[in-house]
Amino acid sequence: MTRLGLFDMLQYAAGLSMAGPMFVVGFEFVRTGRLVGGVGFLALGAVALYFPTYLVKRIGGPRTWLRRRLGRVRTSGDSSAGESETGTNASSDTPTTTSLLERIRRR
């Protein structure tokens, strides 16, 4: 692990809260001789332990969620700004809408 911050600890706590009961049941099944069910519960517990971390890595972390919520910031060097072939900006006379993040940064 390269970092273990508060958000990582919350992910592991969520995984353990789901996987803990599965590990207990799986261990009890293995102990009483029901090997197939025990191994199944232990495997399911291992999947549930790392599922919150996988989910966060798949959809992005809190910074990504905030960026999506506040909107993307357009830079002045953005190629999608609407430049014509002559190099002049074709949309210079139309007002541009600013994102919420840009408005907050200007304050």
PDB file of N, CA and C in Angstrom:
ATOM      1  N   MET A   1       0.833  -1.178   0.000  1.00  0.00           N
ATOM      2  CA  MET A   1       0.000   0.000   0.000  1.00  0.00           C
ATOM      3  C   MET A   1       0.875   1.237   0.000  1.00  0.00           C
ATOM      4  N   THR A   2       0.632   2.108  -0.933  1.00  0.00           N
ATOM      5  CA  THR A   2       1.418   3.325  -0.999  1.00  0.00           C
ATOM      6  C   THR A   2       0.884   4.372  -0.032  1.00  0.00           C
ATOM      7  N   ARG A   3      -0.398   4.388   0.185  1.00  0.00           N
ATOM      8  CA  ARG A   3      -0.979   5.367   1.098  1.00  0.00           C
ATOM      9  C   ARG A   3      -2.108   4.704   1.870  1.00  0.00           C
ATOM     10  N   LEU A   4      -2.307   5.155   3.064  1.00  0.00           N
ATOM     11  CA  LEU A   4      -3.418   4.649   3.859  1.00  0.00           C
ATOM     12  C   LEU A   4      -4.052   5.847   4.545  1.00  0.00           C
ATOM     13  N   GLY A   5      -4.908   6.521   3.821  1.00  0.00           N
ATOM     14  CA  GLY A   5      -5.576   7.702   4.338  1.00  0.00           C
ATOM     15  C   GLY A   5      -6.921   7.350   4.930  1.00  0.00           C
ATOM     16  N   LEU A   6      -7.629   8.361   5.299  1.00  0.00           N
ATOM     17  CA  LEU A   6      -8.944   8.186   5.918  1.00  0.00           C
ATOM     18  C   LEU A   6      -9.925   7.508   4.959  1.00  0.00           C
ATOM     19  N   PHE A   7      -9.877   7.916   3.695  1.00  0.00           N
ATOM     20  CA  PHE A   7     -10.798   7.333   2.723  1.00  0.00           C
ATOM     21  C   PHE A   7     -10.503   5.855   2.495  1.00  0.00           C
ATOM     22  N   ASP A   8      -9.225   5.494   2.481  1.00  0.00           N
ATOM     23  CA  ASP A   8      -8.865   4.080   2.338  1.00  0.00           C
ATOM     24  C   ASP A   8      -9.345   3.270   3.539  1.00  0.00           C
ATOM     25  N   MET A   9      -9.201   3.835   4.725  1.00  0.00           N
ATOM     26  CA  MET A   9      -9.673   3.135   5.921  1.00  0.00           C
ATOM     27  C   MET A   9     -11.183   2.943   5.900  1.00  0.00           C
ATOM     28  N   LEU A  10     -11.906   3.924   5.382  1.00  0.00           N
ATOM     29  CA  LEU A  10     -13.356   3.779   5.261  1.00  0.00           C
ATOM     30  C   LEU A  10     -13.721   2.682   4.263  1.00  0.00           C
ATOM     31  N   GLN A  11     -12.952   2.570   3.191  1.00  0.00           N
ATOM     32  CA  GLN A  11     -13.201   1.503   2.219  1.00  0.00           C
ATOM     33  C   GLN A  11     -12.994   0.130   2.849  1.00  0.00           C
ATOM     34  N   TYR A  12     -11.904  -0.014   3.590  1.00  0.00           N
ATOM     35  CA  TYR A  12     -11.640  -1.303   4.234  1.00  0.00           C
ATOM     36  C   TYR A  12     -12.666  -1.602   5.320  1.00  0.00           C
ATOM     37  N   ALA A  13     -13.108  -0.590   6.037  1.00  0.00           N
ATOM     38  CA  ALA A  13     -14.137  -0.810   7.061  1.00  0.00           C
ATOM     39  C   ALA A  13     -15.445  -1.259   6.425  1.00  0.00           C
ATOM     40  N   ALA A  14     -15.800  -0.652   5.297  1.00  0.00           N
ATOM     41  CA  ALA A  14     -17.017  -1.080   4.598  1.00  0.00           C
ATOM     42  C   ALA A  14     -16.876  -2.510   4.095  1.00  0.00           C
ATOM     43  N   GLY A  15     -15.698  -2.856   3.577  1.00  0.00           N
ATOM     44  CA  GLY A  15     -15.470  -4.222   3.107  1.00  0.00           C
ATOM     45  C   GLY A  15     -15.518  -5.230   4.237  1.00  0.00           C
ATOM     46  N   LEU A  16     -14.904  -4.888   5.371  1.00  0.00           N
ATOM     47  CA  LEU A  16     -14.930  -5.811   6.517  1.00  0.00           C
ATOM     48  C   LEU A  16     -16.324  -5.967   7.099  1.00  0.00           C
ATOM     49  N   SER A  17     -17.112  -4.894   7.078  1.00  0.00           N
ATOM     50  CA  SER A  17     -18.470  -5.017   7.622  1.00  0.00           C
ATOM     51  C   SER A  17     -19.324  -5.952   6.778  1.00  0.00           C
ATOM     52  N   MET A  18     -19.051  -6.030   5.486  1.00  0.00           N
ATOM     53  CA  MET A  18     -19.781  -6.966   4.631  1.00  0.00           C
ATOM     54  C   MET A  18     -19.175  -8.363   4.682  1.00  0.00           C
ATOM     55  N   ALA A  19     -17.841  -8.432   4.728  1.00  0.00           N
ATOM     56  CA  ALA A  19     -17.174  -9.719   4.606  1.00  0.00           C
ATOM     57  C   ALA A  19     -17.012 -10.449   5.939  1.00  0.00           C
ATOM     58  N   GLY A  20     -17.009  -9.732   7.035  1.00  0.00           N
ATOM     59  CA  GLY A  20     -16.798 -10.359   8.342  1.00  0.00           C
ATOM     60  C   GLY A  20     -17.769 -11.487   8.643  1.00  0.00           C
ATOM     61  N   PRO A  21     -19.077 -11.242   8.527  1.00  0.00           N
ATOM     62  CA  PRO A  21     -20.022 -12.344   8.765  1.00  0.00           C
ATOM     63  C   PRO A  21     -19.846 -13.520   7.806  1.00  0.00           C
ATOM     64  N   MET A  22     -19.468 -13.232   6.574  1.00  0.00           N
ATOM     65  CA  MET A  22     -19.253 -14.319   5.617  1.00  0.00           C
ATOM     66  C   MET A  22     -18.050 -15.162   6.017  1.00  0.00           C
ATOM     67  N   PHE A  23     -16.992 -14.516   6.519  1.00  0.00           N
ATOM     68  CA  PHE A  23     -15.823 -15.258   6.989  1.00  0.00           C
ATOM     69  C   PHE A  23     -16.176 -16.123   8.198  1.00  0.00           C
ATOM     70  N   VAL A  24     -16.985 -15.605   9.096  1.00  0.00           N
ATOM     71  CA  VAL A  24     -17.376 -16.370  10.290  1.00  0.00           C
ATOM     72  C   VAL A  24     -18.186 -17.594   9.885  1.00  0.00           C
ATOM     73  N   VAL A  25     -19.153 -17.395   8.995  1.00  0.00           N
ATOM     74  CA  VAL A  25     -19.985 -18.519   8.545  1.00  0.00           C
ATOM     75  C   VAL A  25     -19.139 -19.526   7.774  1.00  0.00           C
ATOM     76  N   GLY A  26     -18.254 -19.041   6.912  1.00  0.00           N
ATOM     77  CA  GLY A  26     -17.389 -19.944   6.148  1.00  0.00           C
ATOM     78  C   GLY A  26     -16.470 -20.751   7.043  1.00  0.00           C
ATOM     79  N   PHE A  27     -15.900 -20.111   8.046  1.00  0.00           N
ATOM     80  CA  PHE A  27     -15.038 -20.828   8.981  1.00  0.00           C
ATOM     81  C   PHE A  27     -15.830 -21.877   9.761  1.00  0.00           C
ATOM     82  N   GLU A  28     -17.036 -21.526  10.164  1.00  0.00           N
ATOM     83  CA  GLU A  28     -17.879 -22.481  10.899  1.00  0.00           C
ATOM     84  C   GLU A  28     -18.259 -23.666  10.020  1.00  0.00           C
ATOM     85  N   PHE A  29     -18.565 -23.407   8.744  1.00  0.00           N
ATOM     86  CA  PHE A  29     -18.876 -24.503   7.827  1.00  0.00           C
ATOM     87  C   PHE A  29     -17.682 -25.434   7.648  1.00  0.00           C
ATOM     88  N   VAL A  30     -16.478 -24.859   7.484  1.00  0.00           N
ATOM     89  CA  VAL A  30     -15.275 -25.679   7.318  1.00  0.00           C
ATOM     90  C   VAL A  30     -15.009 -26.481   8.587  1.00  0.00           C
ATOM     91  N   ARG A  31     -15.219 -25.863   9.746  1.00  0.00           N
ATOM     92  CA  ARG A  31     -14.956 -26.525  11.022  1.00  0.00           C
ATOM     93  C   ARG A  31     -15.887 -27.707  11.260  1.00  0.00           C
ATOM     94  N   THR A  32     -17.151 -27.580  10.823  1.00  0.00           N
ATOM     95  CA  THR A  32     -18.123 -28.658  11.040  1.00  0.00           C
ATOM     96  C   THR A  32     -18.120 -29.705   9.934  1.00  0.00           C
ATOM     97  N   GLY A  33     -17.269 -29.531   8.916  1.00  0.00           N
ATOM     98  CA  GLY A  33     -17.149 -30.570   7.903  1.00  0.00           C
ATOM     99  C   GLY A  33     -17.872 -30.281   6.606  1.00  0.00           C
ATOM    100  N   ARG A  34     -18.591 -29.196   6.488  1.00  0.00           N
ATOM    101  CA  ARG A  34     -19.259 -28.843   5.227  1.00  0.00           C
ATOM    102  C   ARG A  34     -18.287 -28.000   4.403  1.00  0.00           C
ATOM    103  N   LEU A  35     -17.374 -28.679   3.749  1.00  0.00           N
ATOM    104  CA  LEU A  35     -16.241 -28.042   3.087  1.00  0.00           C
ATOM    105  C   LEU A  35     -16.647 -27.179   1.892  1.00  0.00           C
ATOM    106  N   VAL A  36     -17.578 -27.643   1.075  1.00  0.00           N
ATOM    107  CA  VAL A  36     -17.960 -26.907  -0.129  1.00  0.00           C
ATOM    108  C   VAL A  36     -18.625 -25.586   0.239  1.00  0.00           C
ATOM    109  N   GLY A  37     -19.547 -25.622   1.176  1.00  0.00           N
ATOM    110  CA  GLY A  37     -20.209 -24.386   1.621  1.00  0.00           C
ATOM    111  C   GLY A  37     -19.238 -23.437   2.303  1.00  0.00           C
ATOM    112  N   GLY A  38     -18.319 -23.988   3.102  1.00  0.00           N
ATOM    113  CA  GLY A  38     -17.336 -23.162   3.793  1.00  0.00           C
ATOM    114  C   GLY A  38     -16.401 -22.449   2.841  1.00  0.00           C
ATOM    115  N   VAL A  39     -15.901 -23.174   1.863  1.00  0.00           N
ATOM    116  CA  VAL A  39     -15.013 -22.561   0.873  1.00  0.00           C
ATOM    117  C   VAL A  39     -15.775 -21.524   0.051  1.00  0.00           C
ATOM    118  N   GLY A  40     -17.019 -21.807  -0.248  1.00  0.00           N
ATOM    119  CA  GLY A  40     -17.851 -20.850  -0.982  1.00  0.00           C
ATOM    120  C   GLY A  40     -18.040 -19.551  -0.203  1.00  0.00           C
ATOM    121  N   PHE A  41     -18.340 -19.662   1.097  1.00  0.00           N
ATOM    122  CA  PHE A  41     -18.510 -18.462   1.912  1.00  0.00           C
ATOM    123  C   PHE A  41     -17.198 -17.703   2.089  1.00  0.00           C
ATOM    124  N   LEU A  42     -16.091 -18.414   2.230  1.00  0.00           N
ATOM    125  CA  LEU A  42     -14.804 -17.750   2.354  1.00  0.00           C
ATOM    126  C   LEU A  42     -14.441 -17.005   1.061  1.00  0.00           C
ATOM    127  N   ALA A  43     -14.719 -17.607  -0.083  1.00  0.00           N
ATOM    128  CA  ALA A  43     -14.463 -16.943  -1.360  1.00  0.00           C
ATOM    129  C   ALA A  43     -15.380 -15.731  -1.541  1.00  0.00           C
ATOM    130  N   LEU A  44     -16.634 -15.873  -1.182  1.00  0.00           N
ATOM    131  CA  LEU A  44     -17.574 -14.758  -1.268  1.00  0.00           C
ATOM    132  C   LEU A  44     -17.165 -13.621  -0.323  1.00  0.00           C
ATOM    133  N   GLY A  45     -16.654 -13.979   0.845  1.00  0.00           N
ATOM    134  CA  GLY A  45     -16.158 -12.977   1.780  1.00  0.00           C
ATOM    135  C   GLY A  45     -14.946 -12.237   1.233  1.00  0.00           C
ATOM    136  N   ALA A  46     -14.059 -12.946   0.545  1.00  0.00           N
ATOM    137  CA  ALA A  46     -12.886 -12.301  -0.051  1.00  0.00           C
ATOM    138  C   ALA A  46     -13.298 -11.313  -1.142  1.00  0.00           C
ATOM    139  N   VAL A  47     -14.301 -11.674  -1.922  1.00  0.00           N
ATOM    140  CA  VAL A  47     -14.811 -10.759  -2.946  1.00  0.00           C
ATOM    141  C   VAL A  47     -15.451  -9.539  -2.288  1.00  0.00           C
ATOM    142  N   ALA A  48     -16.251  -9.753  -1.257  1.00  0.00           N
ATOM    143  CA  ALA A  48     -16.928  -8.649  -0.577  1.00  0.00           C
ATOM    144  C   ALA A  48     -15.955  -7.740   0.158  1.00  0.00           C
ATOM    145  N   LEU A  49     -14.822  -8.279   0.581  1.00  0.00           N
ATOM    146  CA  LEU A  49     -13.832  -7.475   1.292  1.00  0.00           C
ATOM    147  C   LEU A  49     -13.244  -6.401   0.387  1.00  0.00           C
ATOM    148  N   TYR A  50     -12.977  -6.731  -0.864  1.00  0.00           N
ATOM    149  CA  TYR A  50     -12.342  -5.785  -1.778  1.00  0.00           C
ATOM    150  C   TYR A  50     -13.314  -5.114  -2.743  1.00  0.00           C
ATOM    151  N   PHE A  51     -14.601  -5.391  -2.633  1.00  0.00           N
ATOM    152  CA  PHE A  51     -15.569  -4.792  -3.548  1.00  0.00           C
ATOM    153  C   PHE A  51     -15.660  -3.277  -3.415  1.00  0.00           C
ATOM    154  N   PRO A  52     -15.710  -2.688  -2.216  1.00  0.00           N
ATOM    155  CA  PRO A  52     -15.763  -1.214  -2.152  1.00  0.00           C
ATOM    156  C   PRO A  52     -14.538  -0.544  -2.765  1.00  0.00           C
ATOM    157  N   THR A  53     -13.359  -1.109  -2.579  1.00  0.00           N
ATOM    158  CA  THR A  53     -12.153  -0.551  -3.172  1.00  0.00           C
ATOM    159  C   THR A  53     -12.213  -0.650  -4.689  1.00  0.00           C
ATOM    160  N   TYR A  54     -12.656  -1.779  -5.206  1.00  0.00           N
ATOM    161  CA  TYR A  54     -12.799  -1.947  -6.654  1.00  0.00           C
ATOM    162  C   TYR A  54     -13.797  -0.936  -7.211  1.00  0.00           C
ATOM    163  N   LEU A  55     -14.908  -0.758  -6.523  1.00  0.00           N
ATOM    164  CA  LEU A  55     -15.950   0.149  -6.987  1.00  0.00           C
ATOM    165  C   LEU A  55     -15.442   1.586  -7.038  1.00  0.00           C
ATOM    166  N   VAL A  56     -14.728   2.007  -6.018  1.00  0.00           N
ATOM    167  CA  VAL A  56     -14.203   3.371  -6.000  1.00  0.00           C
ATOM    168  C   VAL A  56     -13.159   3.561  -7.084  1.00  0.00           C
ATOM    169  N   LYS A  57     -12.300   2.574  -7.304  1.00  0.00           N
ATOM    170  CA  LYS A  57     -11.300   2.684  -8.359  1.00  0.00           C
ATOM    171  C   LYS A  57     -11.946   2.674  -9.738  1.00  0.00           C
ATOM    172  N   ARG A  58     -13.045   1.988  -9.874  1.00  0.00           N
ATOM    173  CA  ARG A  58     -13.726   1.900 -11.172  1.00  0.00           C
ATOM    174  C   ARG A  58     -14.425   3.208 -11.536  1.00  0.00           C
ATOM    175  N   ILE A  59     -15.110   3.819 -10.585  1.00  0.00           N
ATOM    176  CA  ILE A  59     -15.873   5.034 -10.894  1.00  0.00           C
ATOM    177  C   ILE A  59     -15.149   6.299 -10.487  1.00  0.00           C
ATOM    178  N   GLY A  60     -14.008   6.188  -9.838  1.00  0.00           N
ATOM    179  CA  GLY A  60     -13.239   7.361  -9.450  1.00  0.00           C
ATOM    180  C   GLY A  60     -13.429   7.678  -7.979  1.00  0.00           C
ATOM    181  N   GLY A  61     -12.527   8.475  -7.462  1.00  0.00           N
ATOM    182  CA  GLY A  61     -12.566   8.844  -6.053  1.00  0.00           C
ATOM    183  C   GLY A  61     -13.379  10.102  -5.808  1.00  0.00           C
ATOM    184  N   PRO A  62     -13.282  10.654  -4.607  1.00  0.00           N
ATOM    185  CA  PRO A  62     -14.065  11.840  -4.255  1.00  0.00           C
ATOM    186  C   PRO A  62     -13.750  13.052  -5.133  1.00  0.00           C
ATOM    187  N   ARG A  63     -12.486  13.212  -5.538  1.00  0.00           N
ATOM    188  CA  ARG A  63     -12.154  14.339  -6.411  1.00  0.00           C
ATOM    189  C   ARG A  63     -12.863  14.216  -7.751  1.00  0.00           C
ATOM    190  N   THR A  64     -12.917  13.016  -8.274  1.00  0.00           N
ATOM    191  CA  THR A  64     -13.613  12.803  -9.540  1.00  0.00           C
ATOM    192  C   THR A  64     -15.097  13.063  -9.391  1.00  0.00           C
ATOM    193  N   TRP A  65     -15.686  12.642  -8.275  1.00  0.00           N
ATOM    194  CA  TRP A  65     -17.106  12.890  -8.044  1.00  0.00           C
ATOM    195  C   TRP A  65     -17.388  14.381  -7.982  1.00  0.00           C
ATOM    196  N   LEU A  66     -16.502  15.129  -7.313  1.00  0.00           N
ATOM    197  CA  LEU A  66     -16.696  16.578  -7.224  1.00  0.00           C
ATOM    198  C   LEU A  66     -16.531  17.242  -8.580  1.00  0.00           C
ATOM    199  N   ARG A  67     -15.552  16.802  -9.348  1.00  0.00           N
ATOM    200  CA  ARG A  67     -15.372  17.377 -10.685  1.00  0.00           C
ATOM    201  C   ARG A  67     -16.600  17.125 -11.557  1.00  0.00           C
ATOM    202  N   ARG A  68     -17.145  15.945 -11.477  1.00  0.00           N
ATOM    203  CA  ARG A  68     -18.347  15.653 -12.264  1.00  0.00           C
ATOM    204  C   ARG A  68     -19.521  16.488 -11.796  1.00  0.00           C
ATOM    205  N   ARG A  69     -19.622  16.689 -10.492  1.00  0.00           N
ATOM    206  CA  ARG A  69     -20.747  17.443  -9.937  1.00  0.00           C
ATOM    207  C   ARG A  69     -20.649  18.928 -10.255  1.00  0.00           C
ATOM    208  N   LEU A  70     -19.435  19.482 -10.172  1.00  0.00           N
ATOM    209  CA  LEU A  70     -19.261  20.914 -10.382  1.00  0.00           C
ATOM    210  C   LEU A  70     -19.099  21.287 -11.849  1.00  0.00           C
ATOM    211  N   GLY A  71     -18.759  20.364 -12.678  1.00  0.00           N
ATOM    212  CA  GLY A  71     -18.588  20.638 -14.100  1.00  0.00           C
ATOM    213  C   GLY A  71     -17.131  20.702 -14.472  1.00  0.00           C
ATOM    214  N   ARG A  72     -16.864  20.533 -15.731  1.00  0.00           N
ATOM    215  CA  ARG A  72     -15.493  20.557 -16.237  1.00  0.00           C
ATOM    216  C   ARG A  72     -15.052  22.000 -16.458  1.00  0.00           C
ATOM    217  N   VAL A  73     -13.749  22.219 -16.286  1.00  0.00           N
ATOM    218  CA  VAL A  73     -13.170  23.536 -16.505  1.00  0.00           C
ATOM    219  C   VAL A  73     -12.573  23.568 -17.898  1.00  0.00           C
ATOM    220  N   ARG A  74     -12.945  24.574 -18.699  1.00  0.00           N
ATOM    221  CA  ARG A  74     -12.382  24.720 -20.041  1.00  0.00           C
ATOM    222  C   ARG A  74     -11.163  25.606 -19.966  1.00  0.00           C
ATOM    223  N   THR A  75     -10.081  25.166 -20.568  1.00  0.00           N
ATOM    224  CA  THR A  75      -8.861  25.958 -20.585  1.00  0.00           C
ATOM    225  C   THR A  75      -8.811  26.793 -21.853  1.00  0.00           C
ATOM    226  N   SER A  76      -7.959  27.808 -21.865  1.00  0.00           N
ATOM    227  CA  SER A  76      -7.860  28.675 -23.032  1.00  0.00           C
ATOM    228  C   SER A  76      -7.217  27.958 -24.209  1.00  0.00           C
ATOM    229  N   GLY A  77      -6.422  26.935 -23.969  1.00  0.00           N
ATOM    230  CA  GLY A  77      -5.767  26.180 -25.034  1.00  0.00           C
ATOM    231  C   GLY A  77      -6.594  25.017 -25.529  1.00  0.00           C
ATOM    232  N   ASP A  78      -7.860  24.966 -25.164  1.00  0.00           N
ATOM    233  CA  ASP A  78      -8.721  23.852 -25.538  1.00  0.00           C
ATOM    234  C   ASP A  78      -8.983  23.885 -27.039  1.00  0.00           C
ATOM    235  N   SER A  79      -8.756  22.785 -27.718  1.00  0.00           N
ATOM    236  CA  SER A  79      -8.927  22.735 -29.165  1.00  0.00           C
ATOM    237  C   SER A  79     -10.394  22.713 -29.571  1.00  0.00           C
ATOM    238  N   SER A  80     -11.292  22.416 -28.673  1.00  0.00           N
ATOM    239  CA  SER A  80     -12.714  22.376 -29.005  1.00  0.00           C
ATOM    240  C   SER A  80     -13.366  23.733 -28.814  1.00  0.00           C
ATOM    241  N   ALA A  81     -12.583  24.812 -28.734  1.00  0.00           N
ATOM    242  CA  ALA A  81     -13.132  26.146 -28.505  1.00  0.00           C
ATOM    243  C   ALA A  81     -13.790  26.711 -29.745  1.00  0.00           C
ATOM    244  N   GLY A  82     -13.588  26.120 -30.916  1.00  0.00           N
ATOM    245  CA  GLY A  82     -14.273  26.567 -32.120  1.00  0.00           C
ATOM    246  C   GLY A  82     -13.408  27.446 -33.005  1.00  0.00           C
ATOM    247  N   GLU A  83     -12.125  27.172 -33.141  1.00  0.00           N
ATOM    248  CA  GLU A  83     -11.260  27.959 -34.003  1.00  0.00           C
ATOM    249  C   GLU A  83     -11.518  27.576 -35.452  1.00  0.00           C
ATOM    250  N   SER A  84     -11.528  28.570 -36.320  1.00  0.00           N
ATOM    251  CA  SER A  84     -11.704  28.302 -37.736  1.00  0.00           C
ATOM    252  C   SER A  84     -10.352  28.055 -38.374  1.00  0.00           C
ATOM    253  N   GLU A  85     -10.329  27.847 -39.688  1.00  0.00           N
ATOM    254  CA  GLU A  85      -9.090  27.540 -40.381  1.00  0.00           C
ATOM    255  C   GLU A  85      -8.137  28.728 -40.420  1.00  0.00           C
ATOM    256  N   THR A  86      -8.668  29.948 -40.321  1.00  0.00           N
ATOM    257  CA  THR A  86      -7.807  31.123 -40.397  1.00  0.00           C
ATOM    258  C   THR A  86      -7.137  31.434 -39.072  1.00  0.00           C
ATOM    259  N   GLY A  87      -7.498  30.725 -38.041  1.00  0.00           N
ATOM    260  CA  GLY A  87      -6.872  30.944 -36.750  1.00  0.00           C
ATOM    261  C   GLY A  87      -7.676  31.866 -35.845  1.00  0.00           C
ATOM    262  N   THR A  88      -8.750  32.438 -36.354  1.00  0.00           N
ATOM    263  CA  THR A  88      -9.577  33.304 -35.514  1.00  0.00           C
ATOM    264  C   THR A  88     -10.614  32.461 -34.816  1.00  0.00           C
ATOM    265  N   ASN A  89     -11.064  32.923 -33.725  1.00  0.00           N
ATOM    266  CA  ASN A  89     -12.048  32.193 -32.945  1.00  0.00           C
ATOM    267  C   ASN A  89     -13.430  32.479 -33.504  1.00  0.00           C
ATOM    268  N   ALA A  90     -14.105  31.454 -33.996  1.00  0.00           N
ATOM    269  CA  ALA A  90     -15.407  31.631 -34.624  1.00  0.00           C
ATOM    270  C   ALA A  90     -16.487  31.950 -33.605  1.00  0.00           C
ATOM    271  N   SER A  91     -16.314  31.546 -32.379  1.00  0.00           N
ATOM    272  CA  SER A  91     -17.350  31.765 -31.383  1.00  0.00           C
ATOM    273  C   SER A  91     -16.980  32.883 -30.413  1.00  0.00           C
ATOM    274  N   SER A  92     -16.161  33.838 -30.857  1.00  0.00           N
ATOM    275  CA  SER A  92     -15.730  34.893 -29.947  1.00  0.00           C
ATOM    276  C   SER A  92     -16.849  35.876 -29.638  1.00  0.00           C
ATOM    277  N   ASP A  93     -17.849  36.005 -30.530  1.00  0.00           N
ATOM    278  CA  ASP A  93     -18.930  36.944 -30.264  1.00  0.00           C
ATOM    279  C   ASP A  93     -20.038  36.342 -29.424  1.00  0.00           C
ATOM    280  N   THR A  94     -20.036  35.035 -29.216  1.00  0.00           N
ATOM    281  CA  THR A  94     -21.057  34.408 -28.384  1.00  0.00           C
ATOM    282  C   THR A  94     -20.548  34.325 -26.951  1.00  0.00           C
ATOM    283  N   PRO A  95     -21.410  34.592 -25.981  1.00  0.00           N
ATOM    284  CA  PRO A  95     -20.966  34.517 -24.583  1.00  0.00           C
ATOM    285  C   PRO A  95     -20.719  33.074 -24.178  1.00  0.00           C
ATOM    286  N   THR A  96     -19.660  32.857 -23.426  1.00  0.00           N
ATOM    287  CA  THR A  96     -19.348  31.509 -22.969  1.00  0.00           C
ATOM    288  C   THR A  96     -19.902  31.320 -21.566  1.00  0.00           C
ATOM    289  N   THR A  97     -20.378  30.139 -21.309  1.00  0.00           N
ATOM    290  CA  THR A  97     -20.871  29.840 -19.969  1.00  0.00           C
ATOM    291  C   THR A  97     -19.725  29.288 -19.152  1.00  0.00           C
ATOM    292  N   THR A  98     -19.615  29.733 -17.927  1.00  0.00           N
ATOM    293  CA  THR A  98     -18.555  29.249 -17.052  1.00  0.00           C
ATOM    294  C   THR A  98     -19.117  28.204 -16.119  1.00  0.00           C
ATOM    295  N   SER A  99     -18.271  27.300 -15.752  1.00  0.00           N
ATOM    296  CA  SER A  99     -18.714  26.249 -14.845  1.00  0.00           C
ATOM    297  C   SER A  99     -18.726  26.770 -13.415  1.00  0.00           C
ATOM    298  N   LEU A 100     -19.373  26.053 -12.556  1.00  0.00           N
ATOM    299  CA  LEU A 100     -19.458  26.433 -11.159  1.00  0.00           C
ATOM    300  C   LEU A 100     -18.085  26.458 -10.511  1.00  0.00           C
ATOM    301  N   LEU A 101     -17.226  25.524 -10.890  1.00  0.00           N
ATOM    302  CA  LEU A 101     -15.871  25.469 -10.338  1.00  0.00           C
ATOM    303  C   LEU A 101     -15.074  26.718 -10.702  1.00  0.00           C
ATOM    304  N   GLU A 102     -15.207  27.204 -11.933  1.00  0.00           N
ATOM    305  CA  GLU A 102     -14.526  28.432 -12.333  1.00  0.00           C
ATOM    306  C   GLU A 102     -15.033  29.626 -11.546  1.00  0.00           C
ATOM    307  N   ARG A 103     -16.335  29.701 -11.349  1.00  0.00           N
ATOM    308  CA  ARG A 103     -16.898  30.823 -10.591  1.00  0.00           C
ATOM    309  C   ARG A 103     -16.431  30.814  -9.144  1.00  0.00           C
ATOM    310  N   ILE A 104     -16.277  29.633  -8.554  1.00  0.00           N
ATOM    311  CA  ILE A 104     -15.814  29.545  -7.173  1.00  0.00           C
ATOM    312  C   ILE A 104     -14.346  29.949  -7.084  1.00  0.00           C
ATOM    313  N   ARG A 105     -13.548  29.570  -8.081  1.00  0.00           N
ATOM    314  CA  ARG A 105     -12.129  29.904  -8.072  1.00  0.00           C
ATOM    315  C   ARG A 105     -11.876  31.404  -8.211  1.00  0.00           C
ATOM    316  N   ARG A 106     -12.754  32.116  -8.912  1.00  0.00           N
ATOM    317  CA  ARG A 106     -12.556  33.548  -9.119  1.00  0.00           C
ATOM    318  C   ARG A 106     -12.830  34.368  -7.875  1.00  0.00           C
ATOM    319  N   ARG A 107     -13.515  33.849  -6.920  1.00  0.00           N
ATOM    320  CA  ARG A 107     -13.858  34.622  -5.706  1.00  0.00           C
ATOM    321  C   ARG A 107     -12.673  34.963  -4.897  1.00  0.00           C
TER     322      ARG A 107
END
